Amino acid sequence: MYRYDSYDQSIVDARVDEFRDQVQRRLTGALTEDQFKPLRLMNGLYLQLHAYMLRVAIPYGTLSGKQMRKLGEIAAKYDKGYGHFTTRQNLQYNWIKLADAPDILAELATVEMHAIQTSGNCIRNISSDQYAGVSADEVADPRPWAELLRQWSSFHPEFTYLPRKFKIAVIASDDDRAAMRLHDIGLKLVSKDGVIGAEVYAGGGMGRTPMVAPQIRDFVAEEEIISYLEACLRVYNRYGRRDNKYKARIKILVHEIGVEEYKRQVEEEFAHMKQLGLNPPVEELARIRAFFANPAYETGLNEAIDRADPAFALWVDRQVAPHKQPGYAIVNISLKPLTGIPGDASAEQIELAASLAEQYSLDELRVTHAQNLVLPHVKKADLYAIWQQLEEVGLAEANLDLITDIIACPGLDYCALANARSIPLAQKIAQRFAAAERQAELGELKLKISGCINACGHHHAGHIGILGVDRKGVENFQLSLGGSGAEDTSLGQITGPGFSEDGVVDAIEKVTDLYLAQRESGERFLDTYRRLGMKPFKEAIYG
């Protein structure tokens, strides 16, 4: 795990002092809200429907137990006793008092955390695979690259005021667990003739104009990745639209000028960038990579798991993933209890997760883009003890990638941009499909809900996606089918007219019933949909 040096800490501490002064001037009236808004957004502070919301950066989703514990302490002290983990691998506090915001940032700084560049038209938190460094199928650990990009992009003078926000993801496996091609830029680490480099994808994204990023280069050597991304950003910054925020993302630029023209301009800029000597020395990537060396795994561990308890066995089958090190496993902690709010964790639950990381996972946790948590380094012999403790605080749901493992944005309950409520709908769907046997029968089925067209709930990438819209003052829900954020990336297609809250739950049941009746051996829901097409599902829904 990366540790701050003196420069990192001084930068974060200076930003806290600066923001404390800005908040004080706002509270005294020396700054108007219009003057204060860009300053607070630079520090991750939003003004939502009912209170301020603070978004905390969790670079590439990696946390220590100490950092996780601090997040729980802040939730208990300054919020209403919980935090909300997001699809950007960040954490949000939804009930912040303005006067407390500088104190929260100061507390975060004591554990090497901040809220810098979690909002605004800049390069946002770099995201990555939650199994980075522990998955046997990756060509290299992507986290050193993600950390290098974090350092490069923080306070980058040329990219502080981009046409629109900018999101980057880095993966290193054929299994895409980070929705890489739905980012502004996606990097996939690959090996070519024994040399590590990256495939580069640009122009992906969701929102009102969803697009899957095309590949713009099949290989960039790791020592040139900074220059190449500089070139990508420079072309976007030069030509990205600033007259219409709905058409300001890089996906619009790539679409309008064409992939080949964008690639041509990037290559031209890249040739120029290489002459400027902007790439960090090889020693710098080596320095960063040293922070992510394999921990001191024990050897000769027992591979056996006692599955005598059927509830524990079910949890192991669903929530535990293979680890590259013999005797170890990856534990997925569901933040989707059947009656809860997707992505929410109480201060008590956050504290337990911190303790489990320290005691059982070599002091490390991960946050996933699906709003769950991961303990990446768990001995198989410790699985039962972990499961028992998770059971005690309501975190032992065995539903990873099932229909109740719902991604949902905060929706109209919190967000000033939303048109409809996501949370009550997610709870109704989870209750309708609560039976473990029914979830198991349906198998992998990723359901995602957004409360508005901005798509913070990734509904475009859901096997089943739901978008909340406003129909003459009434909440209405559009249903889409066939999306995927994985390596088989695709965008969902709208089924037809929208539904009421109860109506969309009924429609989902009709869709899943048809799937069960029509699927062939081994097919997931997504496979059956792709084979049959929209027509039979539409007929089942609308008659």
Protein backbone atom coordinates (compact mmCIF):
# COMPACT_ATOMS: atom_id res chain seq x y z
CA MET A 1 0.00 0.00 0.00
CA TYR A 2 1.33 3.44 -0.90
CA ARG A 3 2.46 5.60 2.01
CA TYR A 4 2.66 9.40 1.96
CA ASP A 5 6.06 11.04 1.85
CA SER A 6 6.71 14.49 3.29
CA TYR A 7 5.53 16.15 0.07
CA ASP A 8 2.21 14.29 0.04
CA GLN A 9 1.51 15.15 3.66
CA SER A 10 2.47 18.80 3.36
CA ILE A 11 0.24 19.22 0.29
CA VAL A 12 -2.78 17.72 2.04
CA ASP A 13 -2.16 19.69 5.25
CA ALA A 14 -1.82 22.94 3.32
CA ARG A 15 -5.10 22.27 1.50
CA VAL A 16 -6.88 21.75 4.85
CA ASP A 17 -5.60 25.09 6.18
CA GLU A 18 -6.60 26.85 2.97
CA PHE A 19 -10.10 25.40 3.01
CA ARG A 20 -10.57 26.24 6.69
CA ASP A 21 -10.01 29.88 5.83
CA GLN A 22 -12.41 29.67 2.87
CA VAL A 23 -15.16 28.10 5.01
CA GLN A 24 -14.72 30.74 7.68
CA ARG A 25 -15.12 33.49 5.10
CA ARG A 26 -18.27 31.82 3.79
CA LEU A 27 -19.74 31.54 7.29
CA THR A 28 -19.10 35.21 7.98
CA GLY A 29 -20.58 36.26 4.65
CA ALA A 30 -17.30 37.49 3.19
CA LEU A 31 -17.85 34.98 0.37
CA THR A 32 -21.15 34.50 -1.41
CA GLU A 33 -22.36 31.00 -2.30
CA ASP A 34 -21.48 31.64 -5.95
CA GLN A 35 -17.95 32.61 -4.93
CA PHE A 36 -17.64 29.71 -2.51
CA LYS A 37 -19.03 26.98 -4.79
CA PRO A 38 -15.91 26.37 -6.92
CA LEU A 39 -13.77 26.39 -3.77
CA ARG A 40 -15.86 23.78 -1.95
CA LEU A 41 -16.11 21.61 -5.06
CA MET A 42 -12.31 21.53 -5.24
CA ASN A 43 -12.50 19.90 -1.82
CA GLY A 44 -15.24 17.39 -2.57
CA LEU A 45 -18.01 19.28 -0.80
CA TYR A 46 -21.44 19.36 -2.51
CA LEU A 47 -24.63 21.10 -1.44
CA GLN A 48 -27.35 18.46 -1.75
CA LEU A 49 -31.10 18.53 -1.10
CA HIS A 50 -30.93 18.54 2.70
CA ALA A 51 -27.31 19.09 3.72
CA TYR A 52 -23.75 19.23 2.48
CA MET A 53 -22.25 16.01 1.13
CA LEU A 54 -18.53 15.31 1.40
CA ARG A 55 -16.92 12.84 -1.01
CA VAL A 56 -13.71 11.26 0.28
CA ALA A 57 -11.12 9.91 -2.16
CA ILE A 58 -10.08 6.28 -1.85
CA PRO A 59 -7.42 5.95 -4.57
CA TYR A 60 -7.90 2.73 -6.57
CA GLY A 61 -10.18 1.57 -3.74
CA THR A 62 -7.39 0.58 -1.32
CA LEU A 63 -7.55 1.24 2.44
CA SER A 64 -5.68 0.27 5.58
CA GLY A 65 -7.48 -0.72 8.74
CA LYS A 66 -6.48 2.60 10.31
CA GLN A 67 -7.95 4.55 7.42
CA MET A 68 -11.16 2.53 7.47
CA ARG A 69 -11.51 3.05 11.19
CA LYS A 70 -11.15 6.80 10.74
CA LEU A 71 -13.97 6.74 8.17
CA GLY A 72 -16.18 5.08 10.78
CA GLU A 73 -15.20 7.58 13.46
CA ILE A 74 -16.09 10.48 11.16
CA ALA A 75 -19.43 8.84 10.32
CA ALA A 76 -20.26 8.61 14.02
CA LYS A 77 -19.00 12.07 14.94
CA TYR A 78 -20.04 14.25 12.01
CA ASP A 79 -22.70 12.34 10.04
CA LYS A 80 -25.74 10.31 11.12
CA GLY A 81 -23.70 7.24 11.92
CA TYR A 82 -23.01 5.84 8.45
CA GLY A 83 -21.12 6.35 5.21
CA HIS A 84 -22.04 5.54 1.62
CA PHE A 85 -19.56 3.70 -0.62
CA THR A 86 -19.86 4.76 -4.25
CA THR A 87 -19.32 3.38 -7.75
CA ARG A 88 -16.12 5.44 -7.93
CA GLN A 89 -14.59 3.45 -5.04
CA ASN A 90 -15.03 6.52 -2.85
CA LEU A 91 -17.04 7.21 0.30
CA GLN A 92 -19.66 9.92 0.77
CA TYR A 93 -21.03 11.51 3.93
CA ASN A 94 -24.50 12.85 3.26
CA TRP A 95 -25.24 14.97 6.35
CA ILE A 96 -22.27 17.31 6.80
CA LYS A 97 -22.42 20.71 8.49
CA LEU A 98 -20.38 23.32 6.67
CA ALA A 99 -18.61 24.42 9.85
CA ASP A 100 -17.42 20.84 10.41
CA ALA A 101 -16.01 20.26 6.92
CA PRO A 102 -12.47 21.59 7.65
CA ASP A 103 -12.26 19.48 10.82
CA ILE A 104 -13.25 16.38 8.86
CA LEU A 105 -10.57 17.06 6.26
CA ALA A 106 -8.04 17.60 9.05
CA GLU A 107 -8.95 14.24 10.59
CA LEU A 108 -8.66 12.54 7.20
CA ALA A 109 -5.21 14.08 6.74
CA THR A 110 -3.99 12.32 9.90
CA VAL A 111 -4.46 8.97 8.12
CA GLU A 112 -3.21 10.04 4.67
CA MET A 113 -6.63 10.71 3.17
CA HIS A 114 -8.32 13.70 1.55
CA ALA A 115 -11.19 14.83 -0.70
CA ILE A 116 -9.12 16.57 -3.37
CA GLN A 117 -10.32 16.17 -6.97
CA THR A 118 -13.38 14.14 -6.01
CA SER A 119 -15.47 16.77 -7.82
CA GLY A 120 -15.04 19.48 -10.41
CA ASN A 121 -13.86 19.42 -14.03
CA CYS A 122 -10.61 17.65 -13.32
CA ILE A 123 -9.14 14.15 -13.33
CA ARG A 124 -11.10 12.31 -10.65
CA ASN A 125 -10.12 9.44 -8.36
CA ILE A 126 -8.21 6.77 -10.32
CA SER A 127 -10.09 3.47 -10.08
CA SER A 128 -8.91 -0.10 -10.49
CA ASP A 129 -9.70 -3.77 -10.04
CA GLN A 130 -10.60 -4.65 -6.45
CA TYR A 131 -8.63 -7.90 -6.84
CA ALA A 132 -5.47 -6.07 -7.96
CA GLY A 133 -2.31 -7.75 -6.73
CA VAL A 134 -4.07 -10.90 -5.52
CA SER A 135 -5.71 -12.30 -8.65
CA ALA A 136 -3.86 -15.08 -10.44
CA ASP A 137 -5.07 -13.94 -13.86
CA GLU A 138 -3.44 -10.50 -13.99
CA VAL A 139 -0.27 -9.79 -15.99
CA ALA A 140 0.97 -7.31 -13.37
CA ASP A 141 -0.35 -5.45 -10.35
CA PRO A 142 -2.16 -2.37 -11.78
CA ARG A 143 -1.99 -0.38 -8.53
CA PRO A 144 1.51 1.07 -9.05
CA TRP A 145 0.32 2.43 -12.37
CA ALA A 146 -2.82 3.80 -10.74
CA GLU A 147 -0.71 5.46 -8.04
CA LEU A 148 1.63 6.96 -10.63
CA LEU A 149 -1.40 8.37 -12.45
CA ARG A 150 -2.77 9.72 -9.17
CA GLN A 151 0.44 11.61 -8.51
CA TRP A 152 0.66 12.85 -12.10
CA SER A 153 -2.94 14.07 -12.16
CA SER A 154 -3.09 15.71 -8.71
CA PHE A 155 -3.06 19.49 -9.16
CA HIS A 156 -1.97 19.11 -12.79
CA PRO A 157 -1.93 22.77 -13.90
CA GLU A 158 -3.01 22.07 -17.48
CA PHE A 159 -5.89 19.76 -16.53
CA THR A 160 -7.38 21.56 -13.53
CA TYR A 161 -10.19 23.11 -15.59
CA LEU A 162 -11.07 20.56 -18.24
CA PRO A 163 -14.24 20.88 -20.33
CA ARG A 164 -15.82 18.30 -17.99
CA LYS A 165 -14.91 15.78 -15.29
CA PHE A 166 -12.53 13.03 -16.34
CA LYS A 167 -12.37 9.43 -15.13
CA ILE A 168 -9.59 6.87 -15.59
CA ALA A 169 -9.53 3.14 -14.76
CA VAL A 170 -6.60 0.70 -14.80
CA ILE A 171 -6.95 -3.09 -14.97
CA ALA A 172 -4.54 -5.95 -15.68
CA SER A 173 -6.78 -8.94 -16.31
CA ASP A 174 -9.01 -10.24 -19.08
CA ASP A 175 -11.79 -10.21 -16.49
CA ASP A 176 -12.82 -6.56 -16.29
CA ARG A 177 -13.99 -5.93 -12.74
CA ALA A 178 -13.78 -2.12 -13.05
CA ALA A 179 -15.99 -1.29 -16.07
CA MET A 180 -12.82 -0.04 -17.76
CA ARG A 181 -14.34 0.65 -21.19
CA LEU A 182 -17.03 2.86 -19.67
CA HIS A 183 -14.43 5.40 -18.54
CA ASP A 184 -13.09 8.49 -20.29
CA ILE A 185 -9.80 6.62 -20.52
CA GLY A 186 -9.28 2.95 -19.71
CA LEU A 187 -5.94 1.19 -19.47
CA LYS A 188 -5.53 -2.58 -19.66
CA LEU A 189 -2.07 -3.82 -18.78
CA VAL A 190 -0.77 -6.41 -21.24
CA SER A 191 2.48 -8.21 -21.95
CA LYS A 192 3.98 -7.92 -25.44
CA ASP A 193 7.14 -9.88 -26.19
CA GLY A 194 7.82 -10.03 -22.48
CA VAL A 195 7.44 -6.27 -22.01
CA ILE A 196 4.65 -4.82 -19.85
CA GLY A 197 2.61 -2.03 -21.35
CA ALA A 198 -1.01 -1.04 -21.81
CA GLU A 199 -3.84 -1.13 -24.27
CA VAL A 200 -5.49 2.29 -24.24
CA TYR A 201 -9.21 2.97 -24.64
CA ALA A 202 -10.69 6.47 -24.84
CA GLY A 203 -14.15 7.96 -25.13
CA GLY A 204 -16.27 5.75 -22.92
CA GLY A 205 -18.84 6.86 -20.40
CA MET A 206 -22.44 6.74 -19.30
CA GLY A 207 -24.77 9.66 -18.60
CA ARG A 208 -27.25 10.95 -21.16
CA THR A 209 -25.08 9.79 -24.08
CA PRO A 210 -23.61 6.41 -23.11
CA MET A 211 -20.70 5.08 -25.17
CA VAL A 212 -18.27 2.18 -25.01
CA ALA A 213 -14.68 3.35 -25.38
CA PRO A 214 -12.91 2.22 -28.56
CA GLN A 215 -9.31 1.09 -28.43
CA ILE A 216 -7.02 3.88 -29.60
CA ARG A 217 -3.69 2.10 -29.10
CA ASP A 218 -2.86 -1.57 -28.72
CA PHE A 219 0.35 -0.99 -26.77
CA VAL A 220 2.08 1.79 -24.87
CA ALA A 221 5.22 0.87 -22.95
CA GLU A 222 4.99 1.58 -19.25
CA GLU A 223 7.80 4.16 -19.34
CA GLU A 224 5.80 6.22 -21.88
CA ILE A 225 2.33 6.03 -20.36
CA ILE A 226 2.45 9.51 -18.81
CA SER A 227 3.41 11.16 -22.09
CA TYR A 228 0.71 9.24 -23.93
CA LEU A 229 -2.01 10.22 -21.44
CA GLU A 230 -0.77 13.81 -21.55
CA ALA A 231 -1.32 13.67 -25.31
CA CYS A 232 -4.83 12.21 -24.89
CA LEU A 233 -5.79 14.90 -22.39
CA ARG A 234 -4.23 17.73 -24.40
CA VAL A 235 -6.27 16.88 -27.50
CA TYR A 236 -9.42 16.71 -25.38
CA ASN A 237 -8.62 19.91 -23.49
CA ARG A 238 -7.97 21.71 -26.77
CA TYR A 239 -11.13 20.67 -28.61
CA GLY A 240 -13.60 19.48 -25.97
CA ARG A 241 -16.75 21.61 -25.96
CA ARG A 242 -17.15 24.17 -23.21
CA ASP A 243 -20.34 25.74 -24.55
CA ASN A 244 -22.61 22.81 -23.58
CA LYS A 245 -21.87 20.70 -20.51
CA TYR A 246 -24.00 17.87 -21.89
CA LYS A 247 -21.66 17.56 -24.85
CA ALA A 248 -18.42 18.30 -23.07
CA ARG A 249 -17.11 14.80 -22.26
CA ILE A 250 -14.32 13.22 -24.27
CA LYS A 251 -16.74 10.59 -25.60
CA ILE A 252 -18.52 13.34 -27.58
CA LEU A 253 -15.24 14.60 -29.03
CA VAL A 254 -14.14 11.10 -30.08
CA HIS A 255 -17.56 10.42 -31.58
CA GLU A 256 -17.81 13.73 -33.47
CA ILE A 257 -14.33 13.84 -35.00
CA GLY A 258 -14.12 10.06 -35.35
CA VAL A 259 -11.89 7.50 -33.69
CA GLU A 260 -9.25 7.58 -36.43
CA GLU A 261 -8.95 11.37 -36.38
CA TYR A 262 -8.70 11.40 -32.58
CA LYS A 263 -6.00 8.71 -32.74
CA ARG A 264 -4.11 10.71 -35.40
CA GLN A 265 -4.12 13.85 -33.30
CA VAL A 266 -3.09 11.96 -30.16
CA GLU A 267 -0.19 10.31 -31.99
CA GLU A 268 0.92 13.69 -33.32
CA GLU A 269 0.77 15.18 -29.85
CA PHE A 270 2.47 12.11 -28.37
CA ALA A 271 5.45 12.52 -30.70
CA HIS A 272 5.78 16.08 -29.43
CA MET A 273 5.31 15.10 -25.77
CA LYS A 274 8.10 12.52 -25.91
CA GLN A 275 10.55 15.29 -26.78
CA LEU A 276 9.64 17.25 -23.63
CA GLY A 277 10.97 14.66 -21.20
CA LEU A 278 7.80 14.52 -19.10
CA ASN A 279 7.93 10.81 -18.40
CA PRO A 280 9.07 10.06 -14.86
CA PRO A 281 12.37 8.24 -14.55
CA VAL A 282 12.14 4.47 -14.47
CA GLU A 283 13.33 4.63 -10.87
CA GLU A 284 10.15 6.48 -9.85
CA LEU A 285 7.83 3.71 -11.00
CA ALA A 286 10.16 1.24 -9.27
CA ARG A 287 9.93 3.31 -6.08
CA ILE A 288 6.14 3.28 -6.22
CA ARG A 289 6.02 -0.40 -7.14
CA ALA A 290 7.99 -1.25 -3.99
CA PHE A 291 5.03 -0.10 -1.89
CA PHE A 292 2.91 -2.80 -3.52
CA ALA A 293 5.26 -5.74 -3.08
CA ASN A 294 3.61 -8.98 -1.98
CA PRO A 295 3.02 -9.06 1.77
CA ALA A 296 4.63 -11.70 3.97
CA TYR A 297 2.32 -14.59 3.15
CA GLU A 298 2.61 -17.73 5.24
CA THR A 299 3.41 -20.94 3.40
CA GLY A 300 2.32 -24.52 3.90
CA LEU A 301 -1.22 -23.51 4.91
CA ASN A 302 -4.12 -25.93 4.92
CA GLU A 303 -6.32 -25.57 1.84
CA ALA A 304 -9.33 -27.30 3.40
CA ILE A 305 -12.46 -25.37 4.40
CA ASP A 306 -14.85 -26.95 6.90
CA ARG A 307 -18.23 -26.59 5.19
CA ALA A 308 -20.33 -28.39 7.82
CA ASP A 309 -22.43 -25.27 8.48
CA PRO A 310 -24.69 -24.92 5.39
CA ALA A 311 -25.15 -21.15 5.81
CA PHE A 312 -21.38 -20.70 5.94
CA ALA A 313 -20.91 -23.01 2.95
CA LEU A 314 -23.38 -20.92 0.92
CA TRP A 315 -21.48 -17.75 1.86
CA VAL A 316 -18.16 -19.31 0.85
CA ASP A 317 -19.56 -20.40 -2.52
CA ARG A 318 -20.87 -16.92 -3.28
CA GLN A 319 -18.59 -14.43 -1.52
CA VAL A 320 -15.13 -16.03 -1.57
CA ALA A 321 -12.87 -15.81 -4.63
CA PRO A 322 -9.60 -17.61 -5.46
CA HIS A 323 -6.31 -16.05 -4.37
CA LYS A 324 -2.99 -16.38 -6.17
CA GLN A 325 -1.30 -17.54 -2.95
CA PRO A 326 -2.00 -21.12 -1.77
CA GLY A 327 -3.89 -21.26 1.51
CA TYR A 328 -5.40 -17.78 1.04
CA ALA A 329 -8.71 -16.47 -0.29
CA ILE A 330 -10.34 -13.18 -1.29
CA VAL A 331 -13.42 -12.30 0.78
CA ASN A 332 -16.18 -10.13 -0.67
CA ILE A 333 -18.27 -8.34 1.96
CA SER A 334 -21.75 -7.49 0.74
CA LEU A 335 -23.08 -4.01 1.51
CA LYS A 336 -26.46 -5.08 0.10
CA PRO A 337 -28.53 -6.47 2.99
CA LEU A 338 -32.06 -7.23 1.81
CA THR A 339 -33.69 -4.41 3.78
CA GLY A 340 -30.76 -1.99 3.64
CA ILE A 341 -29.50 0.78 1.38
CA PRO A 342 -27.02 -0.39 -1.29
CA GLY A 343 -23.52 0.81 -0.46
CA ASP A 344 -24.32 2.10 3.02
CA ALA A 345 -22.33 0.97 6.05
CA SER A 346 -22.89 2.01 9.64
CA ALA A 347 -20.07 3.28 11.83
CA GLU A 348 -20.21 -0.05 13.67
CA GLN A 349 -19.93 -2.01 10.43
CA ILE A 350 -17.06 0.17 9.21
CA GLU A 351 -15.27 -0.39 12.52
CA LEU A 352 -15.71 -4.15 12.24
CA ALA A 353 -14.39 -4.15 8.66
CA ALA A 354 -11.32 -2.25 9.89
CA SER A 355 -10.76 -4.76 12.67
CA LEU A 356 -11.16 -7.71 10.32
CA ALA A 357 -8.62 -6.19 7.94
CA GLU A 358 -6.12 -5.73 10.73
CA GLN A 359 -6.66 -9.15 12.26
CA TYR A 360 -7.21 -11.33 9.20
CA SER A 361 -6.25 -9.50 5.96
CA LEU A 362 -2.74 -8.16 6.50
CA ASP A 363 -4.19 -4.73 7.31
CA GLU A 364 -5.80 -4.09 3.93
CA LEU A 365 -9.29 -3.57 2.48
CA ARG A 366 -10.65 -2.71 -0.94
CA VAL A 367 -13.77 -0.84 -2.07
CA THR A 368 -15.41 -2.14 -5.26
CA HIS A 369 -17.14 -0.17 -8.00
CA ALA A 370 -20.19 -2.33 -7.22
CA GLN A 371 -20.40 -0.70 -3.76
CA ASN A 372 -19.08 -3.66 -1.76
CA LEU A 373 -15.93 -4.30 0.28
CA VAL A 374 -13.11 -6.82 -0.12
CA LEU A 375 -10.65 -8.38 2.32
CA PRO A 376 -7.87 -9.33 -0.13
CA HIS A 377 -5.53 -11.50 1.98
CA VAL A 378 -7.47 -13.99 4.12
CA LYS A 379 -6.24 -17.40 5.24
CA LYS A 380 -8.78 -20.07 4.40
CA ALA A 381 -8.56 -21.26 7.99
CA ASP A 382 -9.94 -17.88 9.13
CA LEU A 383 -12.99 -17.78 6.87
CA TYR A 384 -15.42 -19.20 9.40
CA ALA A 385 -14.38 -16.73 12.12
CA ILE A 386 -14.78 -13.83 9.67
CA TRP A 387 -18.20 -15.05 8.55
CA GLN A 388 -19.39 -15.30 12.17
CA GLN A 389 -18.38 -11.72 12.90
CA LEU A 390 -19.95 -10.43 9.70
CA GLU A 391 -23.17 -12.23 10.64
CA GLU A 392 -23.32 -10.34 13.94
CA VAL A 393 -23.43 -6.92 12.21
CA GLY A 394 -25.55 -7.82 9.17
CA LEU A 395 -22.77 -8.02 6.59
CA ALA A 396 -22.87 -11.74 5.76
CA GLU A 397 -25.33 -11.58 2.86
CA ALA A 398 -24.37 -14.21 0.25
CA ASN A 399 -25.50 -12.37 -2.88
CA LEU A 400 -22.43 -11.28 -4.84
CA ASP A 401 -23.43 -10.68 -8.50
CA LEU A 402 -26.98 -11.89 -7.84
CA ILE A 403 -30.17 -9.91 -8.46
CA THR A 404 -30.16 -8.42 -4.93
CA ASP A 405 -26.54 -7.20 -5.24
CA ILE A 406 -27.98 -3.97 -6.61
CA ILE A 407 -25.95 -0.91 -7.54
CA ALA A 408 -27.98 2.21 -6.76
CA CYS A 409 -27.24 5.90 -6.55
CA PRO A 410 -28.63 7.92 -3.58
CA GLY A 411 -31.40 9.23 -5.83
CA LEU A 412 -34.02 11.78 -4.92
CA ASP A 413 -33.71 11.03 -1.21
CA TYR A 414 -30.43 12.98 -1.23
CA CYS A 415 -29.35 14.25 -4.64
CA ALA A 416 -30.43 17.63 -6.00
CA LEU A 417 -30.05 16.36 -9.57
CA ALA A 418 -32.20 13.26 -9.24
CA ASN A 419 -35.67 12.82 -10.75
CA ALA A 420 -36.71 9.72 -8.81
CA ARG A 421 -35.89 7.72 -5.71
CA SER A 422 -33.49 4.82 -6.17
CA ILE A 423 -33.26 3.53 -2.62
CA PRO A 424 -36.90 2.49 -1.97
CA LEU A 425 -37.02 0.82 -5.39
CA ALA A 426 -33.83 -1.14 -4.68
CA GLN A 427 -35.32 -2.29 -1.39
CA LYS A 428 -38.57 -3.40 -3.04
CA ILE A 429 -36.71 -5.39 -5.68
CA ALA A 430 -34.50 -7.03 -3.05
CA GLN A 431 -37.55 -8.00 -1.02
CA ARG A 432 -39.36 -9.43 -4.07
CA PHE A 433 -36.37 -11.67 -4.85
CA ALA A 434 -35.25 -12.27 -1.27
CA ALA A 435 -35.47 -16.08 -1.26
CA ALA A 436 -31.95 -17.51 -1.50
CA GLU A 437 -33.18 -20.36 -3.67
CA ARG A 438 -34.70 -17.95 -6.17
CA GLN A 439 -31.57 -15.84 -6.36
CA ALA A 440 -29.45 -18.94 -6.89
CA GLU A 441 -31.77 -20.18 -9.62
CA LEU A 442 -31.46 -16.86 -11.48
CA GLY A 443 -27.68 -16.90 -11.11
CA GLU A 444 -25.50 -14.00 -12.21
CA LEU A 445 -27.81 -11.07 -12.83
CA LYS A 446 -26.51 -7.55 -12.35
CA LEU A 447 -29.23 -4.99 -11.66
CA LYS A 448 -28.38 -1.28 -11.53
CA ILE A 449 -30.51 1.77 -10.72
CA SER A 450 -29.94 5.47 -11.46
CA GLY A 451 -32.19 8.23 -10.19
CA CYS A 452 -31.42 10.47 -13.16
CA ILE A 453 -29.79 10.53 -16.57
CA ASN A 454 -26.35 11.22 -15.07
CA ALA A 455 -26.17 7.44 -14.49
CA CYS A 456 -24.34 7.38 -11.16
CA GLY A 457 -25.98 3.99 -10.63
CA HIS A 458 -24.50 2.67 -13.91
CA HIS A 459 -27.93 1.61 -15.21
CA HIS A 460 -26.65 1.52 -18.81
CA ALA A 461 -24.30 -1.31 -17.79
CA GLY A 462 -26.87 -3.40 -15.95
CA HIS A 463 -28.02 -6.77 -17.25
CA ILE A 464 -31.21 -5.14 -16.04
CA GLY A 465 -31.00 -1.37 -15.76
CA ILE A 466 -33.48 1.11 -14.32
CA LEU A 467 -33.53 4.87 -14.92
CA GLY A 468 -35.70 7.18 -12.86
CA VAL A 469 -37.32 9.99 -14.85
CA ASP A 470 -39.84 12.75 -14.15
CA ARG A 471 -43.13 12.40 -16.02
CA LYS A 472 -45.07 15.61 -15.37
CA GLY A 473 -44.13 15.63 -11.70
CA VAL A 474 -44.56 11.90 -11.20
CA GLU A 475 -41.67 9.45 -10.69
CA ASN A 476 -41.40 7.05 -13.59
CA PHE A 477 -38.93 4.25 -14.23
CA GLN A 478 -37.53 3.17 -17.59
CA LEU A 479 -36.39 -0.44 -17.87
CA SER A 480 -33.43 -1.49 -20.02
CA LEU A 481 -31.94 -4.90 -20.75
CA GLY A 482 -28.64 -6.27 -22.01
CA GLY A 483 -26.01 -3.95 -20.54
CA SER A 484 -22.65 -5.09 -19.19
CA GLY A 485 -19.71 -3.34 -17.60
CA ALA A 486 -17.49 -6.41 -17.76
CA GLU A 487 -15.10 -7.53 -20.49
CA ASP A 488 -18.14 -8.13 -22.75
CA THR A 489 -19.05 -4.45 -22.44
CA SER A 490 -22.43 -3.44 -23.85
CA LEU A 491 -25.08 -0.80 -23.30
CA GLY A 492 -28.61 -1.72 -22.25
CA GLN A 493 -31.57 -1.10 -24.56
CA ILE A 494 -34.79 0.49 -23.31
CA THR A 495 -37.73 -1.91 -23.36
CA GLY A 496 -40.43 0.70 -23.98
CA PRO A 497 -42.73 2.92 -21.91
CA GLY A 498 -41.81 3.42 -18.27
CA PHE A 499 -43.48 2.19 -15.09
CA SER A 500 -44.49 3.21 -11.61
CA GLU A 501 -42.31 1.98 -8.76
CA ASP A 502 -44.45 -1.11 -8.20
CA GLY A 503 -44.92 -1.59 -11.94
CA VAL A 504 -41.20 -1.82 -12.65
CA VAL A 505 -40.78 -4.47 -9.95
CA ASP A 506 -43.53 -6.51 -11.62
CA ALA A 507 -41.87 -6.00 -15.00
CA ILE A 508 -38.57 -7.34 -13.66
CA GLU A 509 -40.37 -10.44 -12.44
CA LYS A 510 -41.83 -11.01 -15.90
CA VAL A 511 -38.40 -10.60 -17.47
CA THR A 512 -36.76 -13.08 -15.10
CA ASP A 513 -39.61 -15.58 -15.49
CA LEU A 514 -39.10 -15.54 -19.26
CA TYR A 515 -35.38 -16.02 -18.80
CA LEU A 516 -35.91 -19.09 -16.63
CA ALA A 517 -38.35 -20.54 -19.14
CA GLN A 518 -36.15 -19.91 -22.19
CA ARG A 519 -32.55 -20.25 -21.05
CA GLU A 520 -30.29 -22.98 -22.36
CA SER A 521 -27.84 -24.96 -20.27
CA GLY A 522 -25.14 -22.79 -18.73
CA GLU A 523 -26.61 -19.48 -19.88
CA ARG A 524 -26.60 -16.40 -17.70
CA PHE A 525 -29.46 -13.94 -18.01
CA LEU A 526 -27.27 -11.78 -20.26
CA ASP A 527 -26.50 -14.72 -22.54
CA THR A 528 -30.17 -15.62 -22.95
CA TYR A 529 -31.09 -12.02 -23.67
CA ARG A 530 -28.40 -11.72 -26.31
CA ARG A 531 -29.49 -14.95 -27.96
CA LEU A 532 -33.21 -14.17 -27.99
CA GLY A 533 -33.07 -10.42 -28.47
CA MET A 534 -35.44 -7.82 -27.08
CA LYS A 535 -38.69 -8.94 -28.75
CA PRO A 536 -39.77 -11.83 -26.47
CA PHE A 537 -38.88 -9.88 -23.34
CA LYS A 538 -40.85 -6.88 -24.55
CA GLU A 539 -43.84 -9.11 -25.27
CA ALA A 540 -43.61 -10.62 -21.80
CA ILE A 541 -43.53 -7.18 -20.19
CA TYR A 542 -46.18 -5.37 -22.18
CA GLY A 543 -48.32 -8.26 -23.45
